[in-house]
């Protein structure tokens, strides 16, 4: 496992909720990242408990997360080490109630 993959693995496994995104929770830098944060807030996730990783700050992480998850787009949500998906999947799961269950089973 490369250094970048190990860094990603540590972030995913050592934080309950991790969102790899463009920007930060308080200042998203793309619409999809902003929507992901809004969905999490609607599910009751407090921003102070949300670990975000700004992929714009680190080109290795930006590419590495796509390889790690085998998912081509950002944002990417992980809950308790499990890859959930991007903002479209988050929205579908939110609308069906699945995301609230995944986040609430803490």
Protein backbone atom coordinates (compact mmCIF):
# COMPACT_ATOMS: atom_id res chain seq x y z
CA UNK A 1 0.00 0.00 0.00
CA UNK A 2 1.42 3.40 -0.99
CA UNK A 3 1.90 6.20 1.54
CA UNK A 4 -1.12 8.00 0.10
CA UNK A 5 -3.29 4.90 0.28
CA UNK A 6 -2.15 4.36 3.88
CA UNK A 7 -3.02 7.97 4.79
CA UNK A 8 -6.49 7.53 3.25
CA UNK A 9 -6.97 4.19 5.00
CA UNK A 10 -6.03 5.75 8.36
CA UNK A 11 -8.49 8.64 7.82
CA UNK A 12 -11.30 6.27 6.87
CA UNK A 13 -10.69 3.82 9.72
CA UNK A 14 -9.92 6.35 12.49
CA UNK A 15 -12.91 8.67 12.01
CA UNK A 16 -16.56 7.74 12.41
CA UNK A 17 -17.74 9.90 9.50
CA UNK A 18 -15.36 11.14 6.79
CA UNK A 19 -16.28 13.21 3.76
CA UNK A 20 -13.66 13.64 1.06
CA UNK A 21 -14.78 16.82 -0.66
CA UNK A 22 -13.77 19.98 -2.47
CA UNK A 23 -13.47 22.69 0.16
CA UNK A 24 -14.61 22.38 3.75
CA UNK A 25 -17.92 21.81 5.48
CA UNK A 26 -18.16 25.53 6.23
CA UNK A 27 -17.01 26.56 2.75
CA UNK A 28 -17.70 23.92 0.07
CA UNK A 29 -15.94 24.63 -3.24
CA UNK A 30 -18.39 22.78 -5.52
CA UNK A 31 -22.11 22.18 -5.63
CA UNK A 32 -21.88 18.43 -5.12
CA UNK A 33 -19.72 18.85 -2.02
CA UNK A 34 -22.12 21.49 -0.70
CA UNK A 35 -25.06 19.18 -1.26
CA UNK A 36 -23.27 16.34 0.56
CA UNK A 37 -22.73 18.57 3.61
CA UNK A 38 -26.38 19.70 3.53
CA UNK A 39 -27.57 16.09 3.38
CA UNK A 40 -25.42 15.16 6.37
CA UNK A 41 -26.72 18.16 8.32
CA UNK A 42 -30.30 17.17 7.45
CA UNK A 43 -29.50 13.75 8.95
CA UNK A 44 -28.45 15.44 12.19
CA UNK A 45 -24.68 15.21 11.75
CA UNK A 46 -23.02 18.13 13.53
CA UNK A 47 -20.26 19.74 11.51
CA UNK A 48 -17.90 19.58 14.50
CA UNK A 49 -18.16 15.77 14.48
CA UNK A 50 -17.70 15.49 10.72
CA UNK A 51 -14.17 14.87 9.48
CA UNK A 52 -13.74 16.49 6.08
CA UNK A 53 -10.74 16.19 3.79
CA UNK A 54 -10.28 18.95 1.21
CA UNK A 55 -8.99 17.13 -1.86
CA UNK A 56 -8.07 20.47 -3.45
CA UNK A 57 -5.29 20.83 -0.85
CA UNK A 58 -3.60 17.54 -1.78
CA UNK A 59 -3.35 16.22 -5.35
CA UNK A 60 -2.19 12.80 -4.08
CA UNK A 61 -5.30 12.43 -1.92
CA UNK A 62 -7.51 13.76 -4.74
CA UNK A 63 -6.36 10.99 -7.08
CA UNK A 64 -5.71 8.41 -4.38
CA UNK A 65 -9.24 8.46 -2.98
CA UNK A 66 -10.61 7.54 -6.42
CA UNK A 67 -8.30 4.53 -6.49
CA UNK A 68 -8.98 3.62 -2.86
CA UNK A 69 -12.75 3.46 -3.37
CA UNK A 70 -12.69 2.56 -7.06
CA UNK A 71 -15.18 5.43 -7.43
CA UNK A 72 -14.40 8.16 -9.99
CA UNK A 73 -16.00 11.22 -8.42
CA UNK A 74 -15.77 13.47 -5.38
CA UNK A 75 -17.32 13.92 -2.83
CA UNK A 76 -17.06 10.53 -1.19
CA UNK A 77 -18.62 9.61 2.15
CA UNK A 78 -17.36 6.94 4.55
CA UNK A 79 -19.23 5.92 7.69
CA UNK A 80 -17.39 3.75 10.23
CA UNK A 81 -14.91 2.65 7.57
CA UNK A 82 -17.55 1.75 4.99
CA UNK A 83 -17.75 3.54 1.64
CA UNK A 84 -21.25 4.97 1.19
CA UNK A 85 -20.92 6.85 -2.10
CA UNK A 86 -21.09 10.30 -3.63
CA UNK A 87 -23.71 13.02 -3.34
CA UNK A 88 -26.20 11.35 -5.71
CA UNK A 89 -26.14 8.11 -3.74
CA UNK A 90 -26.27 10.07 -0.49
CA UNK A 91 -29.42 11.84 -1.74
CA UNK A 92 -31.07 8.57 -2.78
CA UNK A 93 -30.23 7.01 0.58
CA UNK A 94 -31.46 10.12 2.43
CA UNK A 95 -34.77 10.10 0.57
CA UNK A 96 -35.32 6.40 1.37
CA UNK A 97 -34.22 6.76 5.00
CA UNK A 98 -31.21 4.45 4.54
CA UNK A 99 -28.62 7.15 5.18
CA UNK A 100 -30.22 8.18 8.48
CA UNK A 101 -30.11 4.53 9.56
CA UNK A 102 -26.47 4.16 8.53
CA UNK A 103 -25.49 7.32 10.37
CA UNK A 104 -27.70 6.63 13.38
CA UNK A 105 -26.41 3.15 14.08
CA UNK A 106 -23.53 4.57 16.09
